[in-house]
Amino acid sequence: MLQYLSVTGDKVKKELSVKADLNYKVEEKKEILARLRENPRVVHVRLAAPGDCLLGLSLQGVYDKDNVPAIPRKECSRPGGCICTYEPILDTIYP
């Protein structure tokens, strides 16, 4: 019985850790996207995804700054979690 409780406790800790990591990533990506939207040199935002993420690949593309999908997605099944990124598309490369 103690072994069962230990496994359950570890599982709960792991689930809390994954949830905390996802919450951190959500906040981090929100902040990055907000900074890209505020930058007048950024005209579009590219959502880039790794090759082993089917969900990310289906979302990958160039978007208007106001229509970019939120990442990370809860539906992501990539081992290790979501590593999709936002990349700026600039109208001016050098000031």
PDB file of N, CA and C in Angstrom:
ATOM      1  N   MET A   1       0.823  -1.194   0.000  1.00  0.00           N
ATOM      2  CA  MET A   1       0.000   0.000   0.000  1.00  0.00           C
ATOM      3  C   MET A   1       0.865   1.255   0.000  1.00  0.00           C
ATOM      4  N   LEU A   2       1.946   1.250   0.729  1.00  0.00           N
ATOM      5  CA  LEU A   2       2.821   2.416   0.737  1.00  0.00           C
ATOM      6  C   LEU A   2       3.421   2.668  -0.638  1.00  0.00           C
ATOM      7  N   GLN A   3       3.750   1.611  -1.342  1.00  0.00           N
ATOM      8  CA  GLN A   3       4.304   1.769  -2.684  1.00  0.00           C
ATOM      9  C   GLN A   3       3.277   2.441  -3.597  1.00  0.00           C
ATOM     10  N   TYR A   4       2.022   2.066  -3.502  1.00  0.00           N
ATOM     11  CA  TYR A   4       0.963   2.665  -4.300  1.00  0.00           C
ATOM     12  C   TYR A   4       0.856   4.156  -4.001  1.00  0.00           C
ATOM     13  N   LEU A   5       0.895   4.523  -2.737  1.00  0.00           N
ATOM     14  CA  LEU A   5       0.807   5.931  -2.360  1.00  0.00           C
ATOM     15  C   LEU A   5       2.006   6.711  -2.894  1.00  0.00           C
ATOM     16  N   SER A   6       3.170   6.081  -2.853  1.00  0.00           N
ATOM     17  CA  SER A   6       4.375   6.732  -3.358  1.00  0.00           C
ATOM     18  C   SER A   6       4.267   6.993  -4.854  1.00  0.00           C
ATOM     19  N   VAL A   7       3.809   5.997  -5.592  1.00  0.00           N
ATOM     20  CA  VAL A   7       3.659   6.152  -7.038  1.00  0.00           C
ATOM     21  C   VAL A   7       2.620   7.232  -7.332  1.00  0.00           C
ATOM     22  N   THR A   8       1.517   7.199  -6.604  1.00  0.00           N
ATOM     23  CA  THR A   8       0.484   8.208  -6.799  1.00  0.00           C
ATOM     24  C   THR A   8       1.025   9.589  -6.477  1.00  0.00           C
ATOM     25  N   GLY A   9       1.790   9.704  -5.391  1.00  0.00           N
ATOM     26  CA  GLY A   9       2.381  10.990  -5.026  1.00  0.00           C
ATOM     27  C   GLY A   9       3.330  11.495  -6.087  1.00  0.00           C
ATOM     28  N   ASP A  10       4.159  10.609  -6.641  1.00  0.00           N
ATOM     29  CA  ASP A  10       5.082  10.994  -7.712  1.00  0.00           C
ATOM     30  C   ASP A  10       4.321  11.420  -8.955  1.00  0.00           C
ATOM     31  N   LYS A  11       3.239  10.706  -9.245  1.00  0.00           N
ATOM     32  CA  LYS A  11       2.436  11.048 -10.422  1.00  0.00           C
ATOM     33  C   LYS A  11       1.809  12.430 -10.255  1.00  0.00           C
ATOM     34  N   VAL A  12       1.295  12.713  -9.081  1.00  0.00           N
ATOM     35  CA  VAL A  12       0.701  14.019  -8.800  1.00  0.00           C
ATOM     36  C   VAL A  12       1.765  15.106  -8.924  1.00  0.00           C
ATOM     37  N   LYS A  13       2.957  14.878  -8.367  1.00  0.00           N
ATOM     38  CA  LYS A  13       4.045  15.853  -8.472  1.00  0.00           C
ATOM     39  C   LYS A  13       4.416  16.098  -9.927  1.00  0.00           C
ATOM     40  N   LYS A  14       4.478  15.024 -10.714  1.00  0.00           N
ATOM     41  CA  LYS A  14       4.833  15.151 -12.118  1.00  0.00           C
ATOM     42  C   LYS A  14       3.762  15.939 -12.868  1.00  0.00           C
ATOM     43  N   GLU A  15       2.486  15.633 -12.605  1.00  0.00           N
ATOM     44  CA  GLU A  15       1.399  16.348 -13.263  1.00  0.00           C
ATOM     45  C   GLU A  15       1.416  17.819 -12.890  1.00  0.00           C
ATOM     46  N   LEU A  16       1.687  18.143 -11.628  1.00  0.00           N
ATOM     47  CA  LEU A  16       1.783  19.542 -11.205  1.00  0.00           C
ATOM     48  C   LEU A  16       2.959  20.232 -11.872  1.00  0.00           C
ATOM     49  N   SER A  17       4.070  19.521 -12.004  1.00  0.00           N
ATOM     50  CA  SER A  17       5.250  20.080 -12.649  1.00  0.00           C
ATOM     51  C   SER A  17       4.979  20.370 -14.125  1.00  0.00           C
ATOM     52  N   VAL A  18       4.312  19.451 -14.807  1.00  0.00           N
ATOM     53  CA  VAL A  18       3.983  19.643 -16.220  1.00  0.00           C
ATOM     54  C   VAL A  18       3.029  20.818 -16.372  1.00  0.00           C
ATOM     55  N   LYS A  19       2.051  20.910 -15.486  1.00  0.00           N
ATOM     56  CA  LYS A  19       1.082  22.005 -15.534  1.00  0.00           C
ATOM     57  C   LYS A  19       1.768  23.343 -15.277  1.00  0.00           C
ATOM     58  N   ALA A  20       2.678  23.395 -14.320  1.00  0.00           N
ATOM     59  CA  ALA A  20       3.412  24.621 -14.026  1.00  0.00           C
ATOM     60  C   ALA A  20       4.296  25.009 -15.205  1.00  0.00           C
ATOM     61  N   ASP A  21       4.929  24.024 -15.839  1.00  0.00           N
ATOM     62  CA  ASP A  21       5.777  24.286 -17.001  1.00  0.00           C
ATOM     63  C   ASP A  21       4.940  24.833 -18.152  1.00  0.00           C
ATOM     64  N   LEU A  22       3.764  24.266 -18.385  1.00  0.00           N
ATOM     65  CA  LEU A  22       2.881  24.743 -19.439  1.00  0.00           C
ATOM     66  C   LEU A  22       2.432  26.172 -19.152  1.00  0.00           C
ATOM     67  N   ASN A  23       2.065  26.450 -17.905  1.00  0.00           N
ATOM     68  CA  ASN A  23       1.654  27.805 -17.538  1.00  0.00           C
ATOM     69  C   ASN A  23       2.784  28.800 -17.768  1.00  0.00           C
ATOM     70  N   TYR A  24       4.012  28.418 -17.424  1.00  0.00           N
ATOM     71  CA  TYR A  24       5.167  29.277 -17.654  1.00  0.00           C
ATOM     72  C   TYR A  24       5.345  29.537 -19.147  1.00  0.00           C
ATOM     73  N   LYS A  25       5.254  28.483 -19.959  1.00  0.00           N
ATOM     74  CA  LYS A  25       5.424  28.638 -21.405  1.00  0.00           C
ATOM     75  C   LYS A  25       4.333  29.517 -22.001  1.00  0.00           C
ATOM     76  N   VAL A  26       3.098  29.364 -21.529  1.00  0.00           N
ATOM     77  CA  VAL A  26       1.989  30.192 -22.017  1.00  0.00           C
ATOM     78  C   VAL A  26       2.280  31.660 -21.742  1.00  0.00           C
ATOM     79  N   GLU A  27       2.685  31.975 -20.515  1.00  0.00           N
ATOM     80  CA  GLU A  27       2.984  33.364 -20.157  1.00  0.00           C
ATOM     81  C   GLU A  27       4.179  33.893 -20.945  1.00  0.00           C
ATOM     82  N   GLU A  28       5.200  33.077 -21.118  1.00  0.00           N
ATOM     83  CA  GLU A  28       6.390  33.482 -21.861  1.00  0.00           C
ATOM     84  C   GLU A  28       6.027  33.793 -23.321  1.00  0.00           C
ATOM     85  N   LYS A  29       5.250  32.938 -23.951  1.00  0.00           N
ATOM     86  CA  LYS A  29       4.874  33.147 -25.357  1.00  0.00           C
ATOM     87  C   LYS A  29       3.952  34.353 -25.506  1.00  0.00           C
ATOM     88  N   LYS A  30       3.059  34.580 -24.524  1.00  0.00           N
ATOM     89  CA  LYS A  30       2.202  35.769 -24.552  1.00  0.00           C
ATOM     90  C   LYS A  30       3.040  37.038 -24.532  1.00  0.00           C
ATOM     91  N   GLU A  31       4.053  37.054 -23.682  1.00  0.00           N
ATOM     92  CA  GLU A  31       4.929  38.216 -23.564  1.00  0.00           C
ATOM     93  C   GLU A  31       5.710  38.436 -24.867  1.00  0.00           C
ATOM     94  N   ILE A  32       6.226  37.383 -25.444  1.00  0.00           N
ATOM     95  CA  ILE A  32       6.970  37.500 -26.707  1.00  0.00           C
ATOM     96  C   ILE A  32       6.059  38.039 -27.801  1.00  0.00           C
ATOM     97  N   LEU A  33       4.852  37.494 -27.906  1.00  0.00           N
ATOM     98  CA  LEU A  33       3.928  37.942 -28.942  1.00  0.00           C
ATOM     99  C   LEU A  33       3.528  39.401 -28.722  1.00  0.00           C
ATOM    100  N   ALA A  34       3.310  39.794 -27.485  1.00  0.00           N
ATOM    101  CA  ALA A  34       2.961  41.196 -27.191  1.00  0.00           C
ATOM    102  C   ALA A  34       4.083  42.137 -27.624  1.00  0.00           C
ATOM    103  N   ARG A  35       5.320  41.752 -27.359  1.00  0.00           N
ATOM    104  CA  ARG A  35       6.461  42.584 -27.759  1.00  0.00           C
ATOM    105  C   ARG A  35       6.570  42.676 -29.283  1.00  0.00           C
ATOM    106  N   LEU A  36       6.308  41.580 -29.986  1.00  0.00           N
ATOM    107  CA  LEU A  36       6.334  41.609 -31.447  1.00  0.00           C
ATOM    108  C   LEU A  36       5.223  42.502 -31.984  1.00  0.00           C
ATOM    109  N   ARG A  37       4.048  42.442 -31.384  1.00  0.00           N
ATOM    110  CA  ARG A  37       2.922  43.273 -31.829  1.00  0.00           C
ATOM    111  C   ARG A  37       3.193  44.760 -31.599  1.00  0.00           C
ATOM    112  N   GLU A  38       3.880  45.087 -30.523  1.00  0.00           N
ATOM    113  CA  GLU A  38       4.183  46.485 -30.208  1.00  0.00           C
ATOM    114  C   GLU A  38       5.265  47.080 -31.105  1.00  0.00           C
ATOM    115  N   ASN A  39       6.100  46.247 -31.679  1.00  0.00           N
ATOM    116  CA  ASN A  39       7.222  46.717 -32.481  1.00  0.00           C
ATOM    117  C   ASN A  39       6.721  47.165 -33.863  1.00  0.00           C
ATOM    118  N   PRO A  40       6.883  48.455 -34.212  1.00  0.00           N
ATOM    119  CA  PRO A  40       6.383  48.933 -35.503  1.00  0.00           C
ATOM    120  C   PRO A  40       7.127  48.359 -36.710  1.00  0.00           C
ATOM    121  N   ARG A  41       8.338  47.868 -36.516  1.00  0.00           N
ATOM    122  CA  ARG A  41       9.092  47.267 -37.627  1.00  0.00           C
ATOM    123  C   ARG A  41       8.606  45.871 -37.987  1.00  0.00           C
ATOM    124  N   VAL A  42       7.908  45.225 -37.061  1.00  0.00           N
ATOM    125  CA  VAL A  42       7.377  43.878 -37.320  1.00  0.00           C
ATOM    126  C   VAL A  42       6.053  44.025 -38.067  1.00  0.00           C
ATOM    127  N   VAL A  43       6.013  43.502 -39.289  1.00  0.00           N
ATOM    128  CA  VAL A  43       4.792  43.600 -40.089  1.00  0.00           C
ATOM    129  C   VAL A  43       3.965  42.317 -40.035  1.00  0.00           C
ATOM    130  N   HIS A  44       4.611  41.181 -39.855  1.00  0.00           N
ATOM    131  CA  HIS A  44       3.939  39.887 -39.729  1.00  0.00           C
ATOM    132  C   HIS A  44       4.703  39.050 -38.708  1.00  0.00           C
ATOM    133  N   VAL A  45       4.065  37.988 -38.261  1.00  0.00           N
ATOM    134  CA  VAL A  45       4.697  37.060 -37.322  1.00  0.00           C
ATOM    135  C   VAL A  45       4.636  35.666 -37.929  1.00  0.00           C
ATOM    136  N   ARG A  46       5.780  35.006 -37.934  1.00  0.00           N
ATOM    137  CA  ARG A  46       5.848  33.626 -38.424  1.00  0.00           C
ATOM    138  C   ARG A  46       5.797  32.683 -37.227  1.00  0.00           C
ATOM    139  N   LEU A  47       4.917  31.698 -37.306  1.00  0.00           N
ATOM    140  CA  LEU A  47       4.873  30.654 -36.294  1.00  0.00           C
ATOM    141  C   LEU A  47       5.690  29.499 -36.858  1.00  0.00           C
ATOM    142  N   ALA A  48       6.773  29.166 -36.183  1.00  0.00           N
ATOM    143  CA  ALA A  48       7.671  28.094 -36.625  1.00  0.00           C
ATOM    144  C   ALA A  48       7.511  26.890 -35.709  1.00  0.00           C
ATOM    145  N   ALA A  49       7.494  25.698 -36.314  1.00  0.00           N
ATOM    146  CA  ALA A  49       7.297  24.466 -35.552  1.00  0.00           C
ATOM    147  C   ALA A  49       8.360  23.441 -35.922  1.00  0.00           C
ATOM    148  N   PRO A  50       8.692  22.544 -34.979  1.00  0.00           N
ATOM    149  CA  PRO A  50       9.645  21.475 -35.291  1.00  0.00           C
ATOM    150  C   PRO A  50       8.989  20.422 -36.180  1.00  0.00           C
ATOM    151  N   GLY A  51       9.802  19.667 -36.881  1.00  0.00           N
ATOM    152  CA  GLY A  51       9.303  18.658 -37.804  1.00  0.00           C
ATOM    153  C   GLY A  51       8.582  17.493 -37.155  1.00  0.00           C
ATOM    154  N   ASP A  52       8.758  17.304 -35.842  1.00  0.00           N
ATOM    155  CA  ASP A  52       8.110  16.162 -35.185  1.00  0.00           C
ATOM    156  C   ASP A  52       6.831  16.547 -34.445  1.00  0.00           C
ATOM    157  N   CYS A  53       6.286  17.722 -34.764  1.00  0.00           N
ATOM    158  CA  CYS A  53       5.058  18.183 -34.111  1.00  0.00           C
ATOM    159  C   CYS A  53       3.979  18.386 -35.167  1.00  0.00           C
ATOM    160  N   LEU A  54       3.078  17.436 -35.290  1.00  0.00           N
ATOM    161  CA  LEU A  54       2.035  17.520 -36.317  1.00  0.00           C
ATOM    162  C   LEU A  54       1.111  18.708 -36.094  1.00  0.00           C
ATOM    163  N   LEU A  55       0.757  18.977 -34.857  1.00  0.00           N
ATOM    164  CA  LEU A  55      -0.106  20.113 -34.566  1.00  0.00           C
ATOM    165  C   LEU A  55       0.603  21.416 -34.934  1.00  0.00           C
ATOM    166  N   GLY A  56       1.862  21.549 -34.524  1.00  0.00           N
ATOM    167  CA  GLY A  56       2.630  22.745 -34.843  1.00  0.00           C
ATOM    168  C   GLY A  56       2.792  22.936 -36.338  1.00  0.00           C
ATOM    169  N   LEU A  57       3.051  21.849 -37.049  1.00  0.00           N
ATOM    170  CA  LEU A  57       3.196  21.939 -38.505  1.00  0.00           C
ATOM    171  C   LEU A  57       1.898  22.375 -39.173  1.00  0.00           C
ATOM    172  N   SER A  58       0.765  21.980 -38.595  1.00  0.00           N
ATOM    173  CA  SER A  58      -0.520  22.395 -39.172  1.00  0.00           C
ATOM    174  C   SER A  58      -0.786  23.880 -38.933  1.00  0.00           C
ATOM    175  N   LEU A  59      -0.162  24.463 -37.898  1.00  0.00           N
ATOM    176  CA  LEU A  59      -0.321  25.885 -37.592  1.00  0.00           C
ATOM    177  C   LEU A  59       0.787  26.741 -38.186  1.00  0.00           C
ATOM    178  N   GLN A  60       1.881  26.130 -38.568  1.00  0.00           N
ATOM    179  CA  GLN A  60       3.049  26.865 -39.054  1.00  0.00           C
ATOM    180  C   GLN A  60       2.688  27.744 -40.246  1.00  0.00           C
ATOM    181  N   GLY A  61       3.206  28.976 -40.215  1.00  0.00           N
ATOM    182  CA  GLY A  61       2.951  29.891 -41.319  1.00  0.00           C
ATOM    183  C   GLY A  61       3.190  31.320 -40.907  1.00  0.00           C
ATOM    184  N   VAL A  62       2.890  32.240 -41.810  1.00  0.00           N
ATOM    185  CA  VAL A  62       3.048  33.670 -41.566  1.00  0.00           C
ATOM    186  C   VAL A  62       1.659  34.268 -41.355  1.00  0.00           C
ATOM    187  N   TYR A  63       1.520  35.047 -40.280  1.00  0.00           N
ATOM    188  CA  TYR A  63       0.237  35.617 -39.892  1.00  0.00           C
ATOM    189  C   TYR A  63       0.349  37.126 -39.722  1.00  0.00           C
ATOM    190  N   ASP A  64      -0.799  37.823 -39.890  1.00  0.00           N
ATOM    191  CA  ASP A  64      -0.866  39.218 -39.494  1.00  0.00           C
ATOM    192  C   ASP A  64      -0.645  39.274 -37.993  1.00  0.00           C
ATOM    193  N   LYS A  65      -0.105  40.372 -37.517  1.00  0.00           N
ATOM    194  CA  LYS A  65       0.240  40.459 -36.094  1.00  0.00           C
ATOM    195  C   LYS A  65      -0.954  40.227 -35.168  1.00  0.00           C
ATOM    196  N   ASP A  66      -2.147  40.564 -35.617  1.00  0.00           N
ATOM    197  CA  ASP A  66      -3.335  40.425 -34.767  1.00  0.00           C
ATOM    198  C   ASP A  66      -4.040  39.081 -34.900  1.00  0.00           C
ATOM    199  N   ASN A  67      -3.570  38.209 -35.779  1.00  0.00           N
ATOM    200  CA  ASN A  67      -4.245  36.927 -36.012  1.00  0.00           C
ATOM    201  C   ASN A  67      -3.343  35.716 -35.800  1.00  0.00           C
ATOM    202  N   VAL A  68      -2.382  35.843 -34.932  1.00  0.00           N
ATOM    203  CA  VAL A  68      -1.427  34.750 -34.689  1.00  0.00           C
ATOM    204  C   VAL A  68      -2.026  33.754 -33.685  1.00  0.00           C
ATOM    205  N   PRO A  69      -2.008  32.455 -33.985  1.00  0.00           N
ATOM    206  CA  PRO A  69      -2.506  31.470 -33.021  1.00  0.00           C
ATOM    207  C   PRO A  69      -1.648  31.457 -31.749  1.00  0.00           C
ATOM    208  N   ALA A  70      -2.306  31.216 -30.644  1.00  0.00           N
ATOM    209  CA  ALA A  70      -1.601  31.141 -29.360  1.00  0.00           C
ATOM    210  C   ALA A  70      -0.835  29.822 -29.260  1.00  0.00           C
ATOM    211  N   ILE A  71       0.369  29.907 -28.738  1.00  0.00           N
ATOM    212  CA  ILE A  71       1.167  28.715 -28.431  1.00  0.00           C
ATOM    213  C   ILE A  71       1.716  28.882 -27.027  1.00  0.00           C
ATOM    214  N   PRO A  72       2.009  27.804 -26.331  1.00  0.00           N
ATOM    215  CA  PRO A  72       1.857  26.400 -26.686  1.00  0.00           C
ATOM    216  C   PRO A  72       0.394  25.971 -26.627  1.00  0.00           C
ATOM    217  N   ARG A  73       0.092  24.904 -27.337  1.00  0.00           N
ATOM    218  CA  ARG A  73      -1.265  24.358 -27.380  1.00  0.00           C
ATOM    219  C   ARG A  73      -1.357  23.176 -26.424  1.00  0.00           C
ATOM    220  N   LYS A  74      -2.473  23.081 -25.743  1.00  0.00           N
ATOM    221  CA  LYS A  74      -2.695  21.950 -24.836  1.00  0.00           C
ATOM    222  C   LYS A  74      -2.703  20.629 -25.596  1.00  0.00           C
ATOM    223  N   GLU A  75      -3.097  20.689 -26.861  1.00  0.00           N
ATOM    224  CA  GLU A  75      -3.226  19.475 -27.673  1.00  0.00           C
ATOM    225  C   GLU A  75      -1.878  18.953 -28.162  1.00  0.00           C
ATOM    226  N   CYS A  76      -0.803  19.665 -27.909  1.00  0.00           N
ATOM    227  CA  CYS A  76       0.517  19.259 -28.395  1.00  0.00           C
ATOM    228  C   CYS A  76       0.886  17.886 -27.826  1.00  0.00           C
ATOM    229  N   SER A  77       1.286  17.000 -28.719  1.00  0.00           N
ATOM    230  CA  SER A  77       1.652  15.650 -28.279  1.00  0.00           C
ATOM    231  C   SER A  77       3.140  15.385 -28.483  1.00  0.00           C
ATOM    232  N   ARG A  78       3.905  16.425 -28.786  1.00  0.00           N
ATOM    233  CA  ARG A  78       5.334  16.254 -29.010  1.00  0.00           C
ATOM    234  C   ARG A  78       6.011  15.803 -27.717  1.00  0.00           C
ATOM    235  N   PRO A  79       6.834  14.766 -27.773  1.00  0.00           N
ATOM    236  CA  PRO A  79       7.578  14.363 -26.571  1.00  0.00           C
ATOM    237  C   PRO A  79       8.446  15.527 -26.080  1.00  0.00           C
ATOM    238  N   GLY A  80       8.338  15.846 -24.819  1.00  0.00           N
ATOM    239  CA  GLY A  80       9.090  16.976 -24.276  1.00  0.00           C
ATOM    240  C   GLY A  80       8.310  18.274 -24.303  1.00  0.00           C
ATOM    241  N   GLY A  81       7.132  18.262 -24.903  1.00  0.00           N
ATOM    242  CA  GLY A  81       6.289  19.453 -24.915  1.00  0.00           C
ATOM    243  C   GLY A  81       6.531  20.354 -26.110  1.00  0.00           C
ATOM    244  N   CYS A  82       5.780  21.420 -26.144  1.00  0.00           N
ATOM    245  CA  CYS A  82       5.794  22.357 -27.265  1.00  0.00           C
ATOM    246  C   CYS A  82       7.083  23.179 -27.297  1.00  0.00           C
ATOM    247  N   ILE A  83       7.687  23.249 -28.484  1.00  0.00           N
ATOM    248  CA  ILE A  83       8.841  24.133 -28.678  1.00  0.00           C
ATOM    249  C   ILE A  83       8.624  25.034 -29.900  1.00  0.00           C
ATOM    250  N   CYS A  84       7.364  25.222 -30.289  1.00  0.00           N
ATOM    251  CA  CYS A  84       7.048  26.148 -31.364  1.00  0.00           C
ATOM    252  C   CYS A  84       7.494  27.545 -30.947  1.00  0.00           C
ATOM    253  N   THR A  85       7.798  28.386 -31.931  1.00  0.00           N
ATOM    254  CA  THR A  85       8.272  29.738 -31.633  1.00  0.00           C
ATOM    255  C   THR A  85       7.612  30.757 -32.549  1.00  0.00           C
ATOM    256  N   TYR A  86       7.666  32.023 -32.100  1.00  0.00           N
ATOM    257  CA  TYR A  86       7.259  33.159 -32.917  1.00  0.00           C
ATOM    258  C   TYR A  86       8.513  33.804 -33.475  1.00  0.00           C
ATOM    259  N   GLU A  87       8.470  34.152 -34.761  1.00  0.00           N
ATOM    260  CA  GLU A  87       9.592  34.837 -35.394  1.00  0.00           C
ATOM    261  C   GLU A  87       9.062  36.082 -36.097  1.00  0.00           C
ATOM    262  N   PRO A  88       9.758  37.207 -35.951  1.00  0.00           N
ATOM    263  CA  PRO A  88       9.287  38.437 -36.589  1.00  0.00           C
ATOM    264  C   PRO A  88       9.581  38.460 -38.080  1.00  0.00           C
ATOM    265  N   ILE A  89       8.661  39.050 -38.843  1.00  0.00           N
ATOM    266  CA  ILE A  89       8.889  39.369 -40.250  1.00  0.00           C
ATOM    267  C   ILE A  89       8.962  40.896 -40.275  1.00  0.00           C
ATOM    268  N   LEU A  90      10.134  41.421 -40.600  1.00  0.00           N
ATOM    269  CA  LEU A  90      10.372  42.870 -40.527  1.00  0.00           C
ATOM    270  C   LEU A  90      10.197  43.547 -41.870  1.00  0.00           C
ATOM    271  N   ASP A  91       9.806  44.840 -41.815  1.00  0.00           N
ATOM    272  CA  ASP A  91       9.764  45.619 -43.051  1.00  0.00           C
ATOM    273  C   ASP A  91      11.074  46.357 -43.264  1.00  0.00           C
ATOM    274  N   THR A  92      11.828  46.567 -42.193  1.00  0.00           N
ATOM    275  CA  THR A  92      13.128  47.211 -42.276  1.00  0.00           C
ATOM    276  C   THR A  92      14.144  46.344 -41.554  1.00  0.00           C
ATOM    277  N   ILE A  93      15.192  45.966 -42.273  1.00  0.00           N
ATOM    278  CA  ILE A  93      16.199  45.103 -41.666  1.00  0.00           C
ATOM    279  C   ILE A  93      17.223  45.919 -40.879  1.00  0.00           C
ATOM    280  N   TYR A  94      17.620  47.035 -41.408  1.00  0.00           N
ATOM    281  CA  TYR A  94      18.665  47.837 -40.769  1.00  0.00           C
ATOM    282  C   TYR A  94      18.133  49.254 -40.609  1.00  0.00           C
ATOM    283  N   PRO A  95      18.264  49.830 -39.386  1.00  0.00           N
ATOM    284  CA  PRO A  95      17.720  51.187 -39.157  1.00  0.00           C
ATOM    285  C   PRO A  95      18.356  52.267 -39.980  1.00  0.00           C
TER     286      PRO A  95
END
